[in-house]
Structure formats: C-alpha cells, structure tokens
Amino acid sequence: MASTSRLLVVEDDRAIRELIADRLEHFELTFAACQSEAYEQLGAGRFDLVLLDLRLPREPGDMRPVNQVGIDILKTIRRRRLSKRGSAMPLPVVVMTAHGSEELSAQVLIENGANDYIRKPFGSEDRFEEKILRALAGEGALVPAVTIRNDIIRLAFHDEDDVVRIEASVYRGAHFGLLAVLRDLHLADLEKRRAPENFDGIRGEVLAVRLGISGQAVRRRVSKFRRIVRRDLRDQLGRNVGDHDIVENMRDWNGYRLNPLVVRVVAWDQMPDGDA
C-alpha cells in the first residue's frame, strides 16, 4: 500500500514539507501550502489520504495563518463526502497540530471526522508513519463512523405527475421542479462517464431563469428544501443528512448540483411502494 498510496500534504512551512517528504519518501506526495491550493488539488485529483495542518493561510502570500482554515478544509472534505481514490471509503484525513493543541485536536476529531492527529514537531517516538498507515486502512483514534459515513440517498422521478421520491418521502411542486432541473444535469454527467468531482453545477442565476424565479428565491427554495428533507429523513427513517448531501453548492465552484457521491437517481419502479 505504502508504495502506491497518493497523499495530499497541506502545509505552509517549507521546512516541515521537506521533513515530511523525507519521512514519507515511499508515498506519492502532492503539496499544497494554503486553503485555495488545497481546494484546487482536491478538485483536480483523487487521493488516498490528506495530511492536513490546521494553522494555514487562505491564499498564497497570505501572512496570517489561522487554525480555522484547516478546520474549514476538513469540514469541506466531509461535507462533500470525498472518498479515497478508487474506493467508496471516506477520504482519510490526519491532522497536524502544534504541541499543546490536544484539546483542539480532540474537538476536531469528534466534531469533524478526522481519522487521527500528529503533533509537531515530529520526533522519533511520535508514531508518525504508523498513524498514516492506520488512517489509510480506515482506522483512527476517535473518528465517529456516523460523521463520515457515505450513505446513498435514492431519488426517483415520476415526470407525468410531477412527483419525486427521496427514499420514503414524496415531494411535489417547487421541490420537484428544483430537483428535476438538477437531475437532468446529473444524468448528463453520468452519460459522459465523468468522475464525481468533475460533475457540473448550474449557476444560481441560470437556475433562477429555468425555474422562473429570482436568484434570491432560488436560495430560499434550496434552503427550505434542505430543511424539510432533513426533517423528513430524520423522522421517518432515523437518518441524519447534511445540507449538502442532496443539493450541493460549494465555494470553490459556481452553482448547484445533486451530490454525485451520495445521490443515486433510480427508476420509479425500483423504489419500494413506488406508485404515483
């Protein structure tokens, strides 16, 4: 595994990057030095693990690194349900922190789904390589499985009646209209055999024209849809879903789309009790 695993290392300190390159010489390493570079790399390629410093600048040349940047990157990885290269397994993330940051590290692990953390500076007894190998195998110190579980959510459309089913729940009207537009975009990307990270989004102003409403109304409609579906799936199936699990919109690309790592569009008769 170690000879072929591809790691994204997000670290702004050149000396630490050189140390990591030496310690992990048997891995294929890609480096990013700030938040924008990390998002660029995550959008351009697939990785087996992310080694993530918490204290980072947001842009190249930014001289104000802060812990929140690393936390934001971790949250984005989990919100987008990024998976390990060639696998359905959630993308492992190992966080790097300075000595004395154990309390923060534990909070990140529990709340945001990091697999483990490594304290800097690296010493001979820090189990650096061991923790990398454990995370590559999907193991971790405190990571809660429910936080990073890649559950599939099925959508089925009955176009003649303007009805969409999301698992056991049925929706009509504005919810159907919103999802039907995003479904057509989603299916076109599937036909092109695109990788999930390359699926297209539709810009808010274009979606507004397609739906015959204003851009502000689009944002309200998406927000209302997320709130209602989150409640329905929790109450009916006991499933917790995030805001971006079905309709996804991210800061590093323009527009909305069905989340290609979570959503599966199936035929109406493939859903249990799928009568219109």
C-alpha atoms as a PDB file:
ATOM      1  CA  MET A   1       0.000   0.000   0.000  1.00  0.00           C
ATOM      2  CA  ALA A   2       2.687   2.460   1.013  1.00  0.00           C
ATOM      3  CA  SER A   3       4.495   2.294  -2.334  1.00  0.00           C
ATOM      4  CA  THR A   4       1.445   3.364  -4.324  1.00  0.00           C
ATOM      5  CA  SER A   5      -0.615   5.483  -1.921  1.00  0.00           C
ATOM      6  CA  ARG A   6      -1.154   9.071  -3.040  1.00  0.00           C
ATOM      7  CA  LEU A   7      -1.161  11.691  -0.275  1.00  0.00           C
ATOM      8  CA  LEU A   8      -2.118  15.354  -0.349  1.00  0.00           C
ATOM      9  CA  VAL A   9       0.009  17.235   2.183  1.00  0.00           C
ATOM     10  CA  VAL A  10      -1.419  20.640   3.156  1.00  0.00           C
ATOM     11  CA  GLU A  11       1.366  22.505   4.983  1.00  0.00           C
ATOM     12  CA  ASP A  12       2.698  26.045   4.531  1.00  0.00           C
ATOM     13  CA  ASP A  13       6.061  25.613   6.290  1.00  0.00           C
ATOM     14  CA  ARG A  14       8.755  24.658   3.767  1.00  0.00           C
ATOM     15  CA  ALA A  15      10.998  23.021   6.379  1.00  0.00           C
ATOM     16  CA  ILE A  16       8.160  20.794   7.564  1.00  0.00           C
ATOM     17  CA  ARG A  17       7.258  19.909   3.983  1.00  0.00           C
ATOM     18  CA  GLU A  18      10.840  18.802   3.412  1.00  0.00           C
ATOM     19  CA  LEU A  19      10.779  16.741   6.609  1.00  0.00           C
ATOM     20  CA  ILE A  20       7.518  15.086   5.559  1.00  0.00           C
ATOM     21  CA  ALA A  21       8.934  14.339   2.107  1.00  0.00           C
ATOM     22  CA  ASP A  22      11.871  12.619   3.792  1.00  0.00           C
ATOM     23  CA  ARG A  23       9.758  10.676   6.306  1.00  0.00           C
ATOM     24  CA  LEU A  24       7.185   9.603   3.702  1.00  0.00           C
ATOM     25  CA  GLU A  25       9.502   9.015   0.749  1.00  0.00           C
ATOM     26  CA  HIS A  26       7.733   5.789  -0.224  1.00  0.00           C
ATOM     27  CA  PHE A  27       4.444   7.593  -0.856  1.00  0.00           C
ATOM     28  CA  GLU A  28       3.408   9.697  -3.838  1.00  0.00           C
ATOM     29  CA  LEU A  29       3.139  13.184  -2.350  1.00  0.00           C
ATOM     30  CA  THR A  30       1.368  16.295  -3.626  1.00  0.00           C
ATOM     31  CA  PHE A  31       1.800  19.521  -1.662  1.00  0.00           C
ATOM     32  CA  ALA A  32      -0.480  22.490  -1.054  1.00  0.00           C
ATOM     33  CA  ALA A  33       0.543  25.499   1.029  1.00  0.00           C
ATOM     34  CA  CYS A  34      -2.807  27.223   1.636  1.00  0.00           C
ATOM     35  CA  GLN A  35      -6.570  26.736   1.538  1.00  0.00           C
ATOM     36  CA  SER A  36      -7.067  27.726  -2.099  1.00  0.00           C
ATOM     37  CA  GLU A  37      -4.288  25.383  -3.269  1.00  0.00           C
ATOM     38  CA  ALA A  38      -5.767  22.535  -1.200  1.00  0.00           C
ATOM     39  CA  TYR A  39      -9.190  23.009  -2.823  1.00  0.00           C
ATOM     40  CA  GLU A  40      -7.554  23.168  -6.251  1.00  0.00           C
ATOM     41  CA  GLN A  41      -5.738  19.877  -5.681  1.00  0.00           C
ATOM     42  CA  LEU A  42      -8.824  18.169  -4.237  1.00  0.00           C
ATOM     43  CA  GLY A  43     -10.806  19.239  -7.288  1.00  0.00           C
ATOM     44  CA  ALA A  44      -8.145  18.143  -9.774  1.00  0.00           C
ATOM     45  CA  GLY A  45      -7.216  14.698  -8.486  1.00  0.00           C
ATOM     46  CA  ARG A  46      -8.061  11.769  -6.229  1.00  0.00           C
ATOM     47  CA  PHE A  47      -6.041  10.908  -3.150  1.00  0.00           C
ATOM     48  CA  ASP A  48      -5.697   8.082  -0.648  1.00  0.00           C
ATOM     49  CA  LEU A  49      -5.173  10.393   2.344  1.00  0.00           C
ATOM     50  CA  VAL A  50      -4.897  14.062   3.285  1.00  0.00           C
ATOM     51  CA  LEU A  51      -2.233  15.115   5.789  1.00  0.00           C
ATOM     52  CA  LEU A  52      -3.599  18.448   6.960  1.00  0.00           C
ATOM     53  CA  ASP A  53      -2.004  21.189   9.028  1.00  0.00           C
ATOM     54  CA  LEU A  54      -4.591  23.161  10.973  1.00  0.00           C
ATOM     55  CA  ARG A  55      -2.828  26.537  11.019  1.00  0.00           C
ATOM     56  CA  LEU A  56      -2.804  27.684   7.398  1.00  0.00           C
ATOM     57  CA  PRO A  57      -3.157  30.813   5.241  1.00  0.00           C
ATOM     58  CA  ARG A  58      -6.156  31.114   2.959  1.00  0.00           C
ATOM     59  CA  GLU A  59      -4.331  32.295  -0.178  1.00  0.00           C
ATOM     60  CA  PRO A  60      -0.728  32.311  -1.490  1.00  0.00           C
ATOM     61  CA  GLY A  61       1.169  35.192   0.071  1.00  0.00           C
ATOM     62  CA  ASP A  62      -1.242  35.470   2.998  1.00  0.00           C
ATOM     63  CA  MET A  63       0.871  36.046   6.125  1.00  0.00           C
ATOM     64  CA  ARG A  64      -1.927  35.310   8.612  1.00  0.00           C
ATOM     65  CA  PRO A  65      -2.253  31.540   9.080  1.00  0.00           C
ATOM     66  CA  VAL A  66      -5.052  30.537  11.476  1.00  0.00           C
ATOM     67  CA  ASN A  67      -6.415  27.241  12.810  1.00  0.00           C
ATOM     68  CA  GLN A  68      -9.863  27.861  11.327  1.00  0.00           C
ATOM     69  CA  VAL A  69      -8.502  27.414   7.787  1.00  0.00           C
ATOM     70  CA  GLY A  70      -7.513  23.803   8.424  1.00  0.00           C
ATOM     71  CA  ILE A  71     -10.830  23.134  10.139  1.00  0.00           C
ATOM     72  CA  ASP A  72     -12.665  24.616   7.133  1.00  0.00           C
ATOM     73  CA  ILE A  73     -10.770  22.311   4.764  1.00  0.00           C
ATOM     74  CA  LEU A  74     -11.629  19.281   6.902  1.00  0.00           C
ATOM     75  CA  LYS A  75     -15.291  20.301   7.039  1.00  0.00           C
ATOM     76  CA  THR A  76     -15.346  20.698   3.259  1.00  0.00           C
ATOM     77  CA  ILE A  77     -13.864  17.231   2.717  1.00  0.00           C
ATOM     78  CA  ARG A  78     -16.535  15.678   4.915  1.00  0.00           C
ATOM     79  CA  ARG A  79     -19.387  17.843   3.610  1.00  0.00           C
ATOM     80  CA  ARG A  80     -18.562  16.886   0.041  1.00  0.00           C
ATOM     81  CA  ARG A  81     -18.264  13.217   1.047  1.00  0.00           C
ATOM     82  CA  LEU A  82     -14.929  12.905  -0.741  1.00  0.00           C
ATOM     83  CA  SER A  83     -13.790   9.303  -0.958  1.00  0.00           C
ATOM     84  CA  LYS A  84     -10.474   7.534  -1.077  1.00  0.00           C
ATOM     85  CA  ARG A  85      -9.069   7.035  -4.576  1.00  0.00           C
ATOM     86  CA  GLY A  86     -10.695   4.024  -6.255  1.00  0.00           C
ATOM     87  CA  SER A  87     -12.869   3.285  -3.228  1.00  0.00           C
ATOM     88  CA  ALA A  88     -16.168   4.144  -1.571  1.00  0.00           C
ATOM     89  CA  MET A  89     -14.287   4.598   1.707  1.00  0.00           C
ATOM     90  CA  PRO A  90     -14.350   8.172   3.059  1.00  0.00           C
ATOM     91  CA  LEU A  91     -11.114  10.022   2.322  1.00  0.00           C
ATOM     92  CA  PRO A  92      -8.846   9.609   5.387  1.00  0.00           C
ATOM     93  CA  VAL A  93      -7.614  12.839   6.985  1.00  0.00           C
ATOM     94  CA  VAL A  94      -4.794  13.070   9.516  1.00  0.00           C
ATOM     95  CA  VAL A  95      -4.492  16.464  11.206  1.00  0.00           C
ATOM     96  CA  MET A  96      -1.159  18.042  12.195  1.00  0.00           C
ATOM     97  CA  THR A  97      -1.100  20.314  15.239  1.00  0.00           C
ATOM     98  CA  ALA A  98       1.473  22.058  17.417  1.00  0.00           C
ATOM     99  CA  HIS A  99       2.299  20.720  20.878  1.00  0.00           C
ATOM    100  CA  GLY A 100      -0.263  21.833  23.424  1.00  0.00           C
ATOM    101  CA  SER A 101      -3.192  21.643  20.994  1.00  0.00           C
ATOM    102  CA  GLU A 102      -4.557  18.272  22.136  1.00  0.00           C
ATOM    103  CA  GLU A 103      -7.877  19.751  23.274  1.00  0.00           C
ATOM    104  CA  LEU A 104      -8.447  21.375  19.888  1.00  0.00           C
ATOM    105  CA  SER A 105      -7.343  18.211  18.111  1.00  0.00           C
ATOM    106  CA  ALA A 106      -9.822  16.061  20.028  1.00  0.00           C
ATOM    107  CA  GLN A 107     -12.598  18.521  19.212  1.00  0.00           C
ATOM    108  CA  VAL A 108     -11.712  18.379  15.506  1.00  0.00           C
ATOM    109  CA  LEU A 109     -11.660  14.585  15.584  1.00  0.00           C
ATOM    110  CA  ILE A 110     -15.006  14.259  17.299  1.00  0.00           C
ATOM    111  CA  GLU A 111     -16.940  17.005  15.515  1.00  0.00           C
ATOM    112  CA  ASN A 112     -15.498  16.955  12.001  1.00  0.00           C
ATOM    113  CA  GLY A 113     -14.310  13.410  11.353  1.00  0.00           C
ATOM    114  CA  ALA A 114     -10.507  13.471  11.219  1.00  0.00           C
ATOM    115  CA  ASN A 115      -9.026   9.975  11.490  1.00  0.00           C
ATOM    116  CA  ASP A 116      -6.147  10.941  13.764  1.00  0.00           C
ATOM    117  CA  TYR A 117      -3.764  13.753  14.670  1.00  0.00           C
ATOM    118  CA  ILE A 118       0.004  14.134  14.802  1.00  0.00           C
ATOM    119  CA  ARG A 119       1.761  16.704  16.965  1.00  0.00           C
ATOM    120  CA  LYS A 120       4.528  18.926  15.624  1.00  0.00           C
ATOM    121  CA  PRO A 121       7.481  18.978  15.698  1.00  0.00           C
ATOM    122  CA  PHE A 122       7.801  15.321  14.714  1.00  0.00           C
ATOM    123  CA  GLY A 123      10.006  13.248  16.976  1.00  0.00           C
ATOM    124  CA  SER A 124      11.315   9.721  16.846  1.00  0.00           C
ATOM    125  CA  GLU A 125       8.516   8.421  19.081  1.00  0.00           C
ATOM    126  CA  ASP A 126       5.500  10.170  17.600  1.00  0.00           C
ATOM    127  CA  ARG A 127       4.255   7.113  15.628  1.00  0.00           C
ATOM    128  CA  PHE A 128       4.098   9.342  12.540  1.00  0.00           C
ATOM    129  CA  GLU A 129       4.234   6.616   9.873  1.00  0.00           C
ATOM    130  CA  GLU A 130       2.106   4.240  11.945  1.00  0.00           C
ATOM    131  CA  LYS A 131      -0.712   6.754  12.177  1.00  0.00           C
ATOM    132  CA  ILE A 132      -0.571   7.352   8.413  1.00  0.00           C
ATOM    133  CA  LEU A 133      -0.843   3.608   7.737  1.00  0.00           C
ATOM    134  CA  ARG A 134      -3.697   3.212  10.224  1.00  0.00           C
ATOM    135  CA  ALA A 135      -5.653   6.032   8.598  1.00  0.00           C
ATOM    136  CA  LEU A 136      -5.029   4.604   5.116  1.00  0.00           C
ATOM    137  CA  ALA A 137      -6.647   1.397   6.368  1.00  0.00           C
ATOM    138  CA  GLY A 138      -9.708   3.372   7.500  1.00  0.00           C
ATOM    139  CA  GLU A 139      -8.838   3.290  11.161  1.00  0.00           C
ATOM    140  CA  GLY A 140      -8.493   6.209  13.534  1.00  0.00           C
ATOM    141  CA  ALA A 141      -8.212   7.294  17.112  1.00  0.00           C
ATOM    142  CA  LEU A 142     -11.567   8.945  17.798  1.00  0.00           C
ATOM    143  CA  VAL A 143     -13.305   9.283  14.447  1.00  0.00           C
ATOM    144  CA  PRO A 144     -17.067   8.622  14.811  1.00  0.00           C
ATOM    145  CA  ALA A 145     -18.308   6.431  11.950  1.00  0.00           C
ATOM    146  CA  VAL A 146     -21.633   8.287  11.738  1.00  0.00           C
ATOM    147  CA  THR A 147     -19.805  11.528  10.925  1.00  0.00           C
ATOM    148  CA  ILE A 148     -18.190  10.318   7.719  1.00  0.00           C
ATOM    149  CA  ARG A 149     -20.499   7.527   6.597  1.00  0.00           C
ATOM    150  CA  ASN A 150     -21.086   7.565   2.831  1.00  0.00           C
ATOM    151  CA  ASP A 151     -24.789   6.654   2.838  1.00  0.00           C
ATOM    152  CA  ILE A 152     -26.570   6.573  -0.512  1.00  0.00           C
ATOM    153  CA  ILE A 153     -29.797   8.550  -0.901  1.00  0.00           C
ATOM    154  CA  ARG A 154     -32.104   7.374  -3.695  1.00  0.00           C
ATOM    155  CA  LEU A 155     -34.209   9.722  -5.795  1.00  0.00           C
ATOM    156  CA  ALA A 156     -36.929   8.546  -8.184  1.00  0.00           C
ATOM    157  CA  PHE A 157     -38.935  10.809 -10.509  1.00  0.00           C
ATOM    158  CA  HIS A 158     -42.447  10.385 -11.900  1.00  0.00           C
ATOM    159  CA  ASP A 159     -42.458  13.105 -14.537  1.00  0.00           C
ATOM    160  CA  GLU A 160     -46.055  12.621 -15.670  1.00  0.00           C
ATOM    161  CA  ASP A 161     -47.314  13.537 -12.208  1.00  0.00           C
ATOM    162  CA  ASP A 162     -44.503  15.975 -11.292  1.00  0.00           C
ATOM    163  CA  VAL A 163     -43.536  13.865  -8.291  1.00  0.00           C
ATOM    164  CA  VAL A 164     -40.143  12.979  -6.839  1.00  0.00           C
ATOM    165  CA  ARG A 165     -39.469  10.421  -4.119  1.00  0.00           C
ATOM    166  CA  ILE A 166     -36.493  10.724  -1.808  1.00  0.00           C
ATOM    167  CA  GLU A 167     -36.328   7.335  -0.130  1.00  0.00           C
ATOM    168  CA  ALA A 168     -39.733   7.003   1.591  1.00  0.00           C
ATOM    169  CA  SER A 169     -40.826  10.649   1.219  1.00  0.00           C
ATOM    170  CA  VAL A 170     -42.796  12.104  -1.696  1.00  0.00           C
ATOM    171  CA  TYR A 171     -42.451  15.717  -2.890  1.00  0.00           C
ATOM    172  CA  ARG A 172     -44.319  17.770  -5.476  1.00  0.00           C
ATOM    173  CA  GLY A 173     -44.467  21.343  -6.677  1.00  0.00           C
ATOM    174  CA  ALA A 174     -41.432  23.541  -6.107  1.00  0.00           C
ATOM    175  CA  HIS A 175     -39.296  20.696  -4.747  1.00  0.00           C
ATOM    176  CA  PHE A 176     -39.963  18.583  -7.838  1.00  0.00           C
ATOM    177  CA  GLY A 177     -39.133  21.487 -10.155  1.00  0.00           C
ATOM    178  CA  LEU A 178     -35.822  22.192  -8.437  1.00  0.00           C
ATOM    179  CA  LEU A 179     -34.727  18.553  -8.377  1.00  0.00           C
ATOM    180  CA  ALA A 180     -35.845  17.844 -11.954  1.00  0.00           C
ATOM    181  CA  VAL A 181     -33.510  20.538 -13.311  1.00  0.00           C
ATOM    182  CA  LEU A 182     -30.605  19.211 -11.241  1.00  0.00           C
ATOM    183  CA  ARG A 183     -31.433  15.625 -12.218  1.00  0.00           C
ATOM    184  CA  ASP A 184     -31.096  16.379 -15.936  1.00  0.00           C
ATOM    185  CA  LEU A 185     -27.670  17.898 -15.331  1.00  0.00           C
ATOM    186  CA  HIS A 186     -26.675  14.927 -13.146  1.00  0.00           C
ATOM    187  CA  LEU A 187     -27.731  12.311 -15.701  1.00  0.00           C
ATOM    188  CA  ALA A 188     -25.877  14.125 -18.482  1.00  0.00           C
ATOM    189  CA  ASP A 189     -22.665  13.896 -16.459  1.00  0.00           C
ATOM    190  CA  LEU A 190     -23.289  10.202 -15.798  1.00  0.00           C
ATOM    191  CA  GLU A 191     -23.662   9.583 -19.534  1.00  0.00           C
ATOM    192  CA  LYS A 192     -20.332  11.338 -20.114  1.00  0.00           C
ATOM    193  CA  ARG A 193     -18.746   8.992 -17.518  1.00  0.00           C
ATOM    194  CA  ARG A 194     -17.321  11.908 -15.591  1.00  0.00           C
ATOM    195  CA  ALA A 195     -15.582  11.449 -12.267  1.00  0.00           C
ATOM    196  CA  PRO A 196     -17.761  12.731  -9.371  1.00  0.00           C
ATOM    197  CA  GLU A 197     -15.505  15.704  -8.678  1.00  0.00           C
ATOM    198  CA  ASN A 198     -15.966  16.848 -12.303  1.00  0.00           C
ATOM    199  CA  PHE A 199     -19.774  16.861 -12.322  1.00  0.00           C
ATOM    200  CA  ASP A 200     -21.161  20.210 -13.449  1.00  0.00           C
ATOM    201  CA  GLY A 201     -23.085  22.679 -11.349  1.00  0.00           C
ATOM    202  CA  ILE A 202     -25.696  25.111 -12.615  1.00  0.00           C
ATOM    203  CA  ARG A 203     -25.154  28.730 -11.626  1.00  0.00           C
ATOM    204  CA  GLY A 204     -27.784  30.300  -9.402  1.00  0.00           C
ATOM    205  CA  GLU A 205     -28.817  32.898 -11.966  1.00  0.00           C
ATOM    206  CA  VAL A 206     -29.244  30.231 -14.671  1.00  0.00           C
ATOM    207  CA  LEU A 207     -31.230  28.029 -12.300  1.00  0.00           C
ATOM    208  CA  ALA A 208     -33.418  31.038 -11.485  1.00  0.00           C
ATOM    209  CA  VAL A 209     -34.253  31.506 -15.179  1.00  0.00           C
ATOM    210  CA  ARG A 210     -35.020  27.789 -15.583  1.00  0.00           C
ATOM    211  CA  LEU A 211     -37.377  27.895 -12.610  1.00  0.00           C
ATOM    212  CA  GLY A 212     -38.877  31.288 -13.486  1.00  0.00           C
ATOM    213  CA  ILE A 213     -37.966  32.857 -10.138  1.00  0.00           C
ATOM    214  CA  SER A 214     -35.397  35.335  -8.805  1.00  0.00           C
ATOM    215  CA  GLY A 215     -31.897  34.476  -7.646  1.00  0.00           C
ATOM    216  CA  GLN A 216     -32.870  35.260  -4.070  1.00  0.00           C
ATOM    217  CA  ALA A 217     -35.875  32.965  -4.404  1.00  0.00           C
ATOM    218  CA  VAL A 218     -33.561  30.164  -5.572  1.00  0.00           C
ATOM    219  CA  ARG A 219     -31.539  30.445  -2.378  1.00  0.00           C
ATOM    220  CA  ARG A 220     -34.707  30.423  -0.284  1.00  0.00           C
ATOM    221  CA  ARG A 221     -36.068  27.411  -2.171  1.00  0.00           C
ATOM    222  CA  VAL A 222     -32.881  25.401  -1.711  1.00  0.00           C
ATOM    223  CA  SER A 223     -32.741  26.315   1.980  1.00  0.00           C
ATOM    224  CA  LYS A 224     -36.372  25.302   2.514  1.00  0.00           C
ATOM    225  CA  PHE A 225     -35.872  22.042   0.615  1.00  0.00           C
ATOM    226  CA  ARG A 226     -32.861  21.112   2.743  1.00  0.00           C
ATOM    227  CA  ARG A 227     -34.704  21.879   5.965  1.00  0.00           C
ATOM    228  CA  ILE A 228     -37.787  19.842   5.050  1.00  0.00           C
ATOM    229  CA  VAL A 229     -35.915  16.814   3.684  1.00  0.00           C
ATOM    230  CA  ARG A 230     -33.549  16.756   6.657  1.00  0.00           C
ATOM    231  CA  ARG A 231     -36.575  16.684   8.979  1.00  0.00           C
ATOM    232  CA  ASP A 232     -38.407  14.025   6.940  1.00  0.00           C
ATOM    233  CA  LEU A 233     -35.477  11.627   6.683  1.00  0.00           C
ATOM    234  CA  ARG A 234     -34.772  12.019  10.385  1.00  0.00           C
ATOM    235  CA  ASP A 235     -38.399  11.498  11.458  1.00  0.00           C
ATOM    236  CA  GLN A 236     -39.296   8.722   9.016  1.00  0.00           C
ATOM    237  CA  LEU A 237     -36.048   6.773   8.690  1.00  0.00           C
ATOM    238  CA  GLY A 238     -33.909   7.953  11.590  1.00  0.00           C
ATOM    239  CA  ARG A 239     -31.271   9.171   9.133  1.00  0.00           C
ATOM    240  CA  ASN A 240     -29.251  12.323   9.658  1.00  0.00           C
ATOM    241  CA  VAL A 241     -28.303  14.172   6.469  1.00  0.00           C
ATOM    242  CA  GLY A 242     -26.263  17.314   5.977  1.00  0.00           C
ATOM    243  CA  ASP A 243     -27.193  20.391   3.985  1.00  0.00           C
ATOM    244  CA  HIS A 244     -25.043  19.323   1.026  1.00  0.00           C
ATOM    245  CA  ASP A 245     -25.924  15.611   0.975  1.00  0.00           C
ATOM    246  CA  ILE A 246     -28.580  16.002  -1.761  1.00  0.00           C
ATOM    247  CA  VAL A 247     -28.387  19.500  -3.249  1.00  0.00           C
ATOM    248  CA  GLU A 248     -24.770  20.592  -3.065  1.00  0.00           C
ATOM    249  CA  ASN A 249     -23.260  24.016  -3.571  1.00  0.00           C
ATOM    250  CA  MET A 250     -19.660  24.850  -2.727  1.00  0.00           C
ATOM    251  CA  ARG A 251     -17.498  27.954  -2.582  1.00  0.00           C
ATOM    252  CA  ASP A 252     -14.803  26.627  -4.938  1.00  0.00           C
ATOM    253  CA  TRP A 253     -17.130  26.129  -7.916  1.00  0.00           C
ATOM    254  CA  ASN A 254     -20.139  28.061  -9.120  1.00  0.00           C
ATOM    255  CA  GLY A 255     -23.621  26.642  -8.898  1.00  0.00           C
ATOM    256  CA  TYR A 256     -25.811  23.866  -7.559  1.00  0.00           C
ATOM    257  CA  ARG A 257     -25.834  20.155  -8.338  1.00  0.00           C
ATOM    258  CA  LEU A 258     -27.011  16.823  -6.968  1.00  0.00           C
ATOM    259  CA  ASN A 259     -24.213  15.449  -4.808  1.00  0.00           C
ATOM    260  CA  PRO A 260     -22.681  12.753  -7.066  1.00  0.00           C
ATOM    261  CA  LEU A 261     -21.110  10.872  -4.135  1.00  0.00           C
ATOM    262  CA  VAL A 262     -24.392  10.490  -2.247  1.00  0.00           C
ATOM    263  CA  VAL A 263     -27.349  10.689  -4.657  1.00  0.00           C
ATOM    264  CA  ARG A 264     -28.472   7.797  -6.852  1.00  0.00           C
ATOM    265  CA  VAL A 265     -31.220   8.504  -9.390  1.00  0.00           C
ATOM    266  CA  VAL A 266     -33.225   5.309  -9.910  1.00  0.00           C
ATOM    267  CA  ALA A 267     -36.316   4.323 -11.861  1.00  0.00           C
ATOM    268  CA  TRP A 268     -39.662   4.883 -10.152  1.00  0.00           C
ATOM    269  CA  ASP A 269     -40.464   1.145 -10.046  1.00  0.00           C
ATOM    270  CA  GLN A 270     -37.125   0.426  -8.377  1.00  0.00           C
ATOM    271  CA  MET A 271     -38.283   2.177  -5.202  1.00  0.00           C
ATOM    272  CA  PRO A 272     -40.373   0.213  -2.691  1.00  0.00           C
ATOM    273  CA  ASP A 273     -44.092   1.040  -2.953  1.00  0.00           C
ATOM    274  CA  GLY A 274     -43.305   3.267  -5.936  1.00  0.00           C
ATOM    275  CA  ASP A 275     -46.835   4.050  -7.053  1.00  0.00           C
ATOM    276  CA  ALA A 276     -47.624   7.552  -8.256  1.00  0.00           C
END
